[in-house]
Amino acid sequence: MSTKQKTELEGQIISLREEYTAKAQPLQKEIQNRLQEEQNKLLGLIKQGIDAVAAKEKYDVILNANSVAFINPDNDISKLVLDQVGKTN
């Protein structure tokens, strides 16, 4: 393969890479937006589940497990919240 042919192929590869990038960016943004929408929906369902469990079990305060260094594992309401979220679907 001659030097001229190599240069032409390199130019074509660069052009194709730029074209791919230009087409991929909007798709990537759309994927990110949809992911964010679905995460927001899920977080909303979880919050509703937490609120329902808190009302039913008469909790005054519910903290994220990461918020407290020491917790009583017998008071973990995660399963109750998951069951509540499962009921809404």
PDB file of N, CA and C in Angstrom:
ATOM      1  N   MET A   1       0.855  -1.164   0.000  1.00  0.00           N
ATOM      2  CA  MET A   1       0.000   0.000   0.000  1.00  0.00           C
ATOM      3  C   MET A   1       0.906   1.233   0.000  1.00  0.00           C
ATOM      4  N   SER A   2       0.576   2.155  -0.870  1.00  0.00           N
ATOM      5  CA  SER A   2       1.412   3.349  -0.993  1.00  0.00           C
ATOM      6  C   SER A   2       1.124   4.333   0.144  1.00  0.00           C
ATOM      7  N   THR A   3       2.020   5.282   0.290  1.00  0.00           N
ATOM      8  CA  THR A   3       1.862   6.303   1.328  1.00  0.00           C
ATOM      9  C   THR A   3       0.604   7.127   1.070  1.00  0.00           C
ATOM     10  N   LYS A   4       0.337   7.406  -0.171  1.00  0.00           N
ATOM     11  CA  LYS A   4      -0.860   8.182  -0.535  1.00  0.00           C
ATOM     12  C   LYS A   4      -2.130   7.425  -0.134  1.00  0.00           C
ATOM     13  N   GLN A   5      -2.160   6.120  -0.396  1.00  0.00           N
ATOM     14  CA  GLN A   5      -3.325   5.302  -0.042  1.00  0.00           C
ATOM     15  C   GLN A   5      -3.499   5.255   1.477  1.00  0.00           C
ATOM     16  N   LYS A   6      -2.380   5.130   2.198  1.00  0.00           N
ATOM     17  CA  LYS A   6      -2.455   5.116   3.653  1.00  0.00           C
ATOM     18  C   LYS A   6      -3.013   6.438   4.181  1.00  0.00           C
ATOM     19  N   THR A   7      -2.554   7.533   3.623  1.00  0.00           N
ATOM     20  CA  THR A   7      -3.028   8.855   4.050  1.00  0.00           C
ATOM     21  C   THR A   7      -4.517   9.006   3.767  1.00  0.00           C
ATOM     22  N   GLU A   8      -4.956   8.533   2.596  1.00  0.00           N
ATOM     23  CA  GLU A   8      -6.379   8.604   2.250  1.00  0.00           C
ATOM     24  C   GLU A   8      -7.219   7.762   3.210  1.00  0.00           C
ATOM     25  N   LEU A   9      -6.749   6.564   3.515  1.00  0.00           N
ATOM     26  CA  LEU A   9      -7.474   5.689   4.449  1.00  0.00           C
ATOM     27  C   LEU A   9      -7.530   6.306   5.848  1.00  0.00           C
ATOM     28  N   GLU A  10      -6.426   6.885   6.284  1.00  0.00           N
ATOM     29  CA  GLU A  10      -6.417   7.548   7.583  1.00  0.00           C
ATOM     30  C   GLU A  10      -7.425   8.695   7.604  1.00  0.00           C
ATOM     31  N   GLY A  11      -7.483   9.447   6.515  1.00  0.00           N
ATOM     32  CA  GLY A  11      -8.461  10.539   6.407  1.00  0.00           C
ATOM     33  C   GLY A  11      -9.888  10.014   6.458  1.00  0.00           C
ATOM     34  N   GLN A  12     -10.137   8.894   5.782  1.00  0.00           N
ATOM     35  CA  GLN A  12     -11.475   8.294   5.806  1.00  0.00           C
ATOM     36  C   GLN A  12     -11.825   7.810   7.209  1.00  0.00           C
ATOM     37  N   ILE A  13     -10.862   7.210   7.876  1.00  0.00           N
ATOM     38  CA  ILE A  13     -11.103   6.723   9.246  1.00  0.00           C
ATOM     39  C   ILE A  13     -11.417   7.885  10.171  1.00  0.00           C
ATOM     40  N   ILE A  14     -10.657   8.946  10.071  1.00  0.00           N
ATOM     41  CA  ILE A  14     -10.909  10.135  10.906  1.00  0.00           C
ATOM     42  C   ILE A  14     -12.284  10.704  10.607  1.00  0.00           C
ATOM     43  N   SER A  15     -12.633  10.786   9.341  1.00  0.00           N
ATOM     44  CA  SER A  15     -13.942  11.307   8.935  1.00  0.00           C
ATOM     45  C   SER A  15     -15.072  10.436   9.483  1.00  0.00           C
ATOM     46  N   LEU A  16     -14.918   9.115   9.378  1.00  0.00           N
ATOM     47  CA  LEU A  16     -15.933   8.198   9.884  1.00  0.00           C
ATOM     48  C   LEU A  16     -16.049   8.287  11.408  1.00  0.00           C
ATOM     49  N   ARG A  17     -14.920   8.434  12.086  1.00  0.00           N
ATOM     50  CA  ARG A  17     -14.922   8.560  13.541  1.00  0.00           C
ATOM     51  C   ARG A  17     -15.663   9.835  13.962  1.00  0.00           C
ATOM     52  N   GLU A  18     -15.413  10.938  13.254  1.00  0.00           N
ATOM     53  CA  GLU A  18     -16.105  12.197  13.560  1.00  0.00           C
ATOM     54  C   GLU A  18     -17.603  12.083  13.299  1.00  0.00           C
ATOM     55  N   GLU A  19     -17.963  11.407  12.212  1.00  0.00           N
ATOM     56  CA  GLU A  19     -19.372  11.192  11.874  1.00  0.00           C
ATOM     57  C   GLU A  19     -20.045  10.342  12.951  1.00  0.00           C
ATOM     58  N   TYR A  20     -19.367   9.299  13.373  1.00  0.00           N
ATOM     59  CA  TYR A  20     -19.890   8.428  14.429  1.00  0.00           C
ATOM     60  C   TYR A  20     -20.110   9.221  15.715  1.00  0.00           C
ATOM     61  N   THR A  21     -19.121  10.027  16.084  1.00  0.00           N
ATOM     62  CA  THR A  21     -19.219  10.821  17.309  1.00  0.00           C
ATOM     63  C   THR A  21     -20.389  11.791  17.223  1.00  0.00           C
ATOM     64  N   ALA A  22     -20.541  12.428  16.076  1.00  0.00           N
ATOM     65  CA  ALA A  22     -21.644  13.381  15.896  1.00  0.00           C
ATOM     66  C   ALA A  22     -23.002  12.690  16.014  1.00  0.00           C
ATOM     67  N   LYS A  23     -23.098  11.464  15.541  1.00  0.00           N
ATOM     68  CA  LYS A  23     -24.358  10.728  15.629  1.00  0.00           C
ATOM     69  C   LYS A  23     -24.566  10.131  17.018  1.00  0.00           C
ATOM     70  N   ALA A  24     -23.501   9.763  17.674  1.00  0.00           N
ATOM     71  CA  ALA A  24     -23.606   9.103  18.974  1.00  0.00           C
ATOM     72  C   ALA A  24     -23.950  10.068  20.101  1.00  0.00           C
ATOM     73  N   GLN A  25     -23.501  11.308  20.025  1.00  0.00           N
ATOM     74  CA  GLN A  25     -23.724  12.254  21.117  1.00  0.00           C
ATOM     75  C   GLN A  25     -25.211  12.492  21.401  1.00  0.00           C
ATOM     76  N   PRO A  26     -26.044  12.780  20.407  1.00  0.00           N
ATOM     77  CA  PRO A  26     -27.466  12.972  20.719  1.00  0.00           C
ATOM     78  C   PRO A  26     -28.113  11.715  21.304  1.00  0.00           C
ATOM     79  N   LEU A  27     -27.715  10.558  20.814  1.00  0.00           N
ATOM     80  CA  LEU A  27     -28.262   9.310  21.339  1.00  0.00           C
ATOM     81  C   LEU A  27     -27.843   9.119  22.784  1.00  0.00           C
ATOM     82  N   GLN A  28     -26.596   9.402  23.096  1.00  0.00           N
ATOM     83  CA  GLN A  28     -26.118   9.286  24.469  1.00  0.00           C
ATOM     84  C   GLN A  28     -26.879  10.231  25.395  1.00  0.00           C
ATOM     85  N   LYS A  29     -27.141  11.450  24.925  1.00  0.00           N
ATOM     86  CA  LYS A  29     -27.905  12.412  25.731  1.00  0.00           C
ATOM     87  C   LYS A  29     -29.326  11.907  25.966  1.00  0.00           C
ATOM     88  N   GLU A  30     -29.924  11.334  24.939  1.00  0.00           N
ATOM     89  CA  GLU A  30     -31.280  10.790  25.071  1.00  0.00           C
ATOM     90  C   GLU A  30     -31.303   9.635  26.073  1.00  0.00           C
ATOM     91  N   ILE A  31     -30.309   8.787  26.013  1.00  0.00           N
ATOM     92  CA  ILE A  31     -30.215   7.674  26.955  1.00  0.00           C
ATOM     93  C   ILE A  31     -30.081   8.201  28.375  1.00  0.00           C
ATOM     94  N   GLN A  32     -29.233   9.200  28.578  1.00  0.00           N
ATOM     95  CA  GLN A  32     -29.048   9.785  29.908  1.00  0.00           C
ATOM     96  C   GLN A  32     -30.350  10.399  30.421  1.00  0.00           C
ATOM     97  N   ASN A  33     -31.073  11.107  29.535  1.00  0.00           N
ATOM     98  CA  ASN A  33     -32.344  11.712  29.940  1.00  0.00           C
ATOM     99  C   ASN A  33     -33.364  10.657  30.353  1.00  0.00           C
ATOM    100  N   ARG A  34     -33.466   9.589  29.572  1.00  0.00           N
ATOM    101  CA  ARG A  34     -34.413   8.515  29.904  1.00  0.00           C
ATOM    102  C   ARG A  34     -34.026   7.831  31.206  1.00  0.00           C
ATOM    103  N   LEU A  35     -32.731   7.611  31.401  1.00  0.00           N
ATOM    104  CA  LEU A  35     -32.258   7.000  32.634  1.00  0.00           C
ATOM    105  C   LEU A  35     -32.627   7.872  33.827  1.00  0.00           C
ATOM    106  N   GLN A  36     -32.429   9.176  33.689  1.00  0.00           N
ATOM    107  CA  GLN A  36     -32.769  10.103  34.769  1.00  0.00           C
ATOM    108  C   GLN A  36     -34.277  10.086  35.045  1.00  0.00           C
ATOM    109  N   GLU A  37     -35.091  10.043  33.988  1.00  0.00           N
ATOM    110  CA  GLU A  37     -36.546   9.980  34.167  1.00  0.00           C
ATOM    111  C   GLU A  37     -36.945   8.727  34.946  1.00  0.00           C
ATOM    112  N   GLU A  38     -36.391   7.588  34.564  1.00  0.00           N
ATOM    113  CA  GLU A  38     -36.744   6.335  35.228  1.00  0.00           C
ATOM    114  C   GLU A  38     -36.250   6.314  36.669  1.00  0.00           C
ATOM    115  N   GLN A  39     -35.068   6.865  36.912  1.00  0.00           N
ATOM    116  CA  GLN A  39     -34.558   6.936  38.284  1.00  0.00           C
ATOM    117  C   GLN A  39     -35.454   7.826  39.134  1.00  0.00           C
ATOM    118  N   ASN A  40     -35.905   8.940  38.562  1.00  0.00           N
ATOM    119  CA  ASN A  40     -36.799   9.833  39.301  1.00  0.00           C
ATOM    120  C   ASN A  40     -38.129   9.157  39.627  1.00  0.00           C
ATOM    121  N   LYS A  41     -38.652   8.382  38.673  1.00  0.00           N
ATOM    122  CA  LYS A  41     -39.891   7.638  38.925  1.00  0.00           C
ATOM    123  C   LYS A  41     -39.688   6.648  40.074  1.00  0.00           C
ATOM    124  N   LEU A  42     -38.597   5.913  40.013  1.00  0.00           N
ATOM    125  CA  LEU A  42     -38.309   4.916  41.045  1.00  0.00           C
ATOM    126  C   LEU A  42     -38.123   5.580  42.406  1.00  0.00           C
ATOM    127  N   LEU A  43     -37.385   6.676  42.445  1.00  0.00           N
ATOM    128  CA  LEU A  43     -37.187   7.382  43.711  1.00  0.00           C
ATOM    129  C   LEU A  43     -38.517   7.906  44.254  1.00  0.00           C
ATOM    130  N   GLY A  44     -39.401   8.345  43.364  1.00  0.00           N
ATOM    131  CA  GLY A  44     -40.726   8.777  43.794  1.00  0.00           C
ATOM    132  C   GLY A  44     -41.517   7.642  44.414  1.00  0.00           C
ATOM    133  N   LEU A  45     -41.461   6.471  43.784  1.00  0.00           N
ATOM    134  CA  LEU A  45     -42.156   5.300  44.322  1.00  0.00           C
ATOM    135  C   LEU A  45     -41.585   4.903  45.684  1.00  0.00           C
ATOM    136  N   ILE A  46     -40.269   4.956  45.796  1.00  0.00           N
ATOM    137  CA  ILE A  46     -39.641   4.607  47.072  1.00  0.00           C
ATOM    138  C   ILE A  46     -40.051   5.599  48.144  1.00  0.00           C
ATOM    139  N   LYS A  47     -40.076   6.890  47.804  1.00  0.00           N
ATOM    140  CA  LYS A  47     -40.489   7.898  48.789  1.00  0.00           C
ATOM    141  C   LYS A  47     -41.938   7.671  49.222  1.00  0.00           C
ATOM    142  N   GLN A  48     -42.802   7.361  48.271  1.00  0.00           N
ATOM    143  CA  GLN A  48     -44.195   7.059  48.622  1.00  0.00           C
ATOM    144  C   GLN A  48     -44.262   5.852  49.543  1.00  0.00           C
ATOM    145  N   GLY A  49     -43.459   4.823  49.236  1.00  0.00           N
ATOM    146  CA  GLY A  49     -43.423   3.631  50.076  1.00  0.00           C
ATOM    147  C   GLY A  49     -42.945   3.953  51.480  1.00  0.00           C
ATOM    148  N   ILE A  50     -41.902   4.766  51.580  1.00  0.00           N
ATOM    149  CA  ILE A  50     -41.386   5.166  52.889  1.00  0.00           C
ATOM    150  C   ILE A  50     -42.444   5.952  53.647  1.00  0.00           C
ATOM    151  N   ASP A  51     -43.098   6.881  52.975  1.00  0.00           N
ATOM    152  CA  ASP A  51     -44.139   7.677  53.628  1.00  0.00           C
ATOM    153  C   ASP A  51     -45.285   6.795  54.127  1.00  0.00           C
ATOM    154  N   ALA A  52     -45.685   5.811  53.305  1.00  0.00           N
ATOM    155  CA  ALA A  52     -46.779   4.923  53.693  1.00  0.00           C
ATOM    156  C   ALA A  52     -46.391   4.068  54.901  1.00  0.00           C
ATOM    157  N   VAL A  53     -45.181   3.515  54.876  1.00  0.00           N
ATOM    158  CA  VAL A  53     -44.720   2.702  56.006  1.00  0.00           C
ATOM    159  C   VAL A  53     -44.586   3.569  57.252  1.00  0.00           C
ATOM    160  N   ALA A  54     -44.053   4.766  57.097  1.00  0.00           N
ATOM    161  CA  ALA A  54     -43.892   5.664  58.241  1.00  0.00           C
ATOM    162  C   ALA A  54     -45.238   6.000  58.869  1.00  0.00           C
ATOM    163  N   ALA A  55     -46.242   6.241  58.037  1.00  0.00           N
ATOM    164  CA  ALA A  55     -47.569   6.557  58.563  1.00  0.00           C
ATOM    165  C   ALA A  55     -48.188   5.333  59.238  1.00  0.00           C
ATOM    166  N   LYS A  56     -48.082   4.188  58.578  1.00  0.00           N
ATOM    167  CA  LYS A  56     -48.686   2.966  59.100  1.00  0.00           C
ATOM    168  C   LYS A  56     -48.031   2.527  60.405  1.00  0.00           C
ATOM    169  N   GLU A  57     -46.704   2.600  60.467  1.00  0.00           N
ATOM    170  CA  GLU A  57     -45.964   2.145  61.640  1.00  0.00           C
ATOM    171  C   GLU A  57     -45.751   3.259  62.673  1.00  0.00           C
ATOM    172  N   LYS A  58     -46.269   4.453  62.357  1.00  0.00           N
ATOM    173  CA  LYS A  58     -46.183   5.619  63.246  1.00  0.00           C
ATOM    174  C   LYS A  58     -44.736   6.004  63.575  1.00  0.00           C
ATOM    175  N   TYR A  59     -43.887   6.056  62.542  1.00  0.00           N
ATOM    176  CA  TYR A  59     -42.522   6.527  62.719  1.00  0.00           C
ATOM    177  C   TYR A  59     -42.521   8.051  62.676  1.00  0.00           C
ATOM    178  N   ASP A  60     -41.742   8.669  63.552  1.00  0.00           N
ATOM    179  CA  ASP A  60     -41.597  10.119  63.535  1.00  0.00           C
ATOM    180  C   ASP A  60     -40.484  10.542  62.587  1.00  0.00           C
ATOM    181  N   VAL A  61     -39.413   9.772  62.573  1.00  0.00           N
ATOM    182  CA  VAL A  61     -38.238  10.099  61.764  1.00  0.00           C
ATOM    183  C   VAL A  61     -37.725   8.826  61.107  1.00  0.00           C
ATOM    184  N   ILE A  62     -37.398   8.934  59.832  1.00  0.00           N
ATOM    185  CA  ILE A  62     -36.764   7.829  59.113  1.00  0.00           C
ATOM    186  C   ILE A  62     -35.524   8.401  58.447  1.00  0.00           C
ATOM    187  N   LEU A  63     -34.386   7.791  58.746  1.00  0.00           N
ATOM    188  CA  LEU A  63     -33.119   8.234  58.177  1.00  0.00           C
ATOM    189  C   LEU A  63     -32.579   7.175  57.240  1.00  0.00           C
ATOM    190  N   ASN A  64     -31.864   7.626  56.252  1.00  0.00           N
ATOM    191  CA  ASN A  64     -31.146   6.728  55.361  1.00  0.00           C
ATOM    192  C   ASN A  64     -30.138   5.948  56.196  1.00  0.00           C
ATOM    193  N   ALA A  65     -29.942   4.688  55.891  1.00  0.00           N
ATOM    194  CA  ALA A  65     -29.012   3.851  56.661  1.00  0.00           C
ATOM    195  C   ALA A  65     -27.605   4.438  56.687  1.00  0.00           C
ATOM    196  N   ASN A  66     -27.230   5.179  55.663  1.00  0.00           N
ATOM    197  CA  ASN A  66     -25.906   5.798  55.619  1.00  0.00           C
ATOM    198  C   ASN A  66     -25.819   7.019  56.524  1.00  0.00           C
ATOM    199  N   SER A  67     -26.950   7.526  57.000  1.00  0.00           N
ATOM    200  CA  SER A  67     -26.964   8.727  57.820  1.00  0.00           C
ATOM    201  C   SER A  67     -26.586   8.451  59.266  1.00  0.00           C
ATOM    202  N   VAL A  68     -26.723   7.214  59.698  1.00  0.00           N
ATOM    203  CA  VAL A  68     -26.477   6.874  61.094  1.00  0.00           C
ATOM    204  C   VAL A  68     -25.362   5.834  61.148  1.00  0.00           C
ATOM    205  N   ALA A  69     -24.403   6.076  62.003  1.00  0.00           N
ATOM    206  CA  ALA A  69     -23.278   5.153  62.095  1.00  0.00           C
ATOM    207  C   ALA A  69     -23.686   3.836  62.756  1.00  0.00           C
ATOM    208  N   PHE A  70     -24.578   3.900  63.764  1.00  0.00           N
ATOM    209  CA  PHE A  70     -24.988   2.701  64.485  1.00  0.00           C
ATOM    210  C   PHE A  70     -26.508   2.626  64.506  1.00  0.00           C
ATOM    211  N   ILE A  71     -27.037   1.537  63.962  1.00  0.00           N
ATOM    212  CA  ILE A  71     -28.484   1.357  63.961  1.00  0.00           C
ATOM    213  C   ILE A  71     -28.806  -0.038  64.462  1.00  0.00           C
ATOM    214  N   ASN A  72     -30.040  -0.203  64.876  1.00  0.00           N
ATOM    215  CA  ASN A  72     -30.508  -1.505  65.322  1.00  0.00           C
ATOM    216  C   ASN A  72     -31.011  -2.267  64.096  1.00  0.00           C
ATOM    217  N   PRO A  73     -30.387  -3.371  63.721  1.00  0.00           N
ATOM    218  CA  PRO A  73     -30.821  -4.095  62.530  1.00  0.00           C
ATOM    219  C   PRO A  73     -32.247  -4.630  62.646  1.00  0.00           C
ATOM    220  N   ASP A  74     -32.764  -4.753  63.861  1.00  0.00           N
ATOM    221  CA  ASP A  74     -34.136  -5.223  64.029  1.00  0.00           C
ATOM    222  C   ASP A  74     -35.145  -4.158  63.589  1.00  0.00           C
ATOM    223  N   ASN A  75     -34.706  -2.913  63.474  1.00  0.00           N
ATOM    224  CA  ASN A  75     -35.598  -1.824  63.075  1.00  0.00           C
ATOM    225  C   ASN A  75     -35.415  -1.426  61.614  1.00  0.00           C
ATOM    226  N   ASP A  76     -34.847  -2.279  60.822  1.00  0.00           N
ATOM    227  CA  ASP A  76     -34.633  -2.000  59.401  1.00  0.00           C
ATOM    228  C   ASP A  76     -35.971  -2.133  58.670  1.00  0.00           C
ATOM    229  N   ILE A  77     -36.445  -1.035  58.087  1.00  0.00           N
ATOM    230  CA  ILE A  77     -37.752  -1.060  57.414  1.00  0.00           C
ATOM    231  C   ILE A  77     -37.626  -1.257  55.908  1.00  0.00           C
ATOM    232  N   SER A  78     -36.442  -1.593  55.434  1.00  0.00           N
ATOM    233  CA  SER A  78     -36.218  -1.734  53.991  1.00  0.00           C
ATOM    234  C   SER A  78     -37.184  -2.727  53.364  1.00  0.00           C
ATOM    235  N   LYS A  79     -37.392  -3.884  54.002  1.00  0.00           N
ATOM    236  CA  LYS A  79     -38.300  -4.890  53.440  1.00  0.00           C
ATOM    237  C   LYS A  79     -39.720  -4.349  53.379  1.00  0.00           C
ATOM    238  N   LEU A  80     -40.148  -3.637  54.419  1.00  0.00           N
ATOM    239  CA  LEU A  80     -41.497  -3.053  54.421  1.00  0.00           C
ATOM    240  C   LEU A  80     -41.659  -2.052  53.280  1.00  0.00           C
ATOM    241  N   VAL A  81     -40.628  -1.233  53.052  1.00  0.00           N
ATOM    242  CA  VAL A  81     -40.685  -0.247  51.967  1.00  0.00           C
ATOM    243  C   VAL A  81     -40.720  -0.953  50.623  1.00  0.00           C
ATOM    244  N   LEU A  82     -39.881  -1.977  50.441  1.00  0.00           N
ATOM    245  CA  LEU A  82     -39.893  -2.724  49.184  1.00  0.00           C
ATOM    246  C   LEU A  82     -41.251  -3.382  48.937  1.00  0.00           C
ATOM    247  N   ASP A  83     -41.858  -3.944  49.984  1.00  0.00           N
ATOM    248  CA  ASP A  83     -43.183  -4.531  49.833  1.00  0.00           C
ATOM    249  C   ASP A  83     -44.199  -3.465  49.438  1.00  0.00           C
ATOM    250  N   GLN A  84     -44.110  -2.292  50.041  1.00  0.00           N
ATOM    251  CA  GLN A  84     -45.039  -1.200  49.731  1.00  0.00           C
ATOM    252  C   GLN A  84     -44.858  -0.727  48.293  1.00  0.00           C
ATOM    253  N   VAL A  85     -43.616  -0.570  47.851  1.00  0.00           N
ATOM    254  CA  VAL A  85     -43.357  -0.157  46.473  1.00  0.00           C
ATOM    255  C   VAL A  85     -43.873  -1.223  45.508  1.00  0.00           C
ATOM    256  N   GLY A  86     -43.716  -2.497  45.863  1.00  0.00           N
ATOM    257  CA  GLY A  86     -44.210  -3.576  45.014  1.00  0.00           C
ATOM    258  C   GLY A  86     -45.717  -3.552  44.859  1.00  0.00           C
ATOM    259  N   LYS A  87     -46.417  -3.049  45.860  1.00  0.00           N
ATOM    260  CA  LYS A  87     -47.882  -2.971  45.794  1.00  0.00           C
ATOM    261  C   LYS A  87     -48.347  -1.893  44.813  1.00  0.00           C
ATOM    262  N   THR A  88     -47.527  -0.865  44.590  1.00  0.00           N
ATOM    263  CA  THR A  88     -47.940   0.229  43.713  1.00  0.00           C
ATOM    264  C   THR A  88     -47.793  -0.097  42.245  1.00  0.00           C
ATOM    265  N   ASN A  89     -47.085  -1.174  41.921  1.00  0.00           N
ATOM    266  CA  ASN A  89     -46.894  -1.535  40.512  1.00  0.00           C
ATOM    267  C   ASN A  89     -47.933  -2.510  40.072  1.00  0.00           C
TER     268      ASN A  89
END
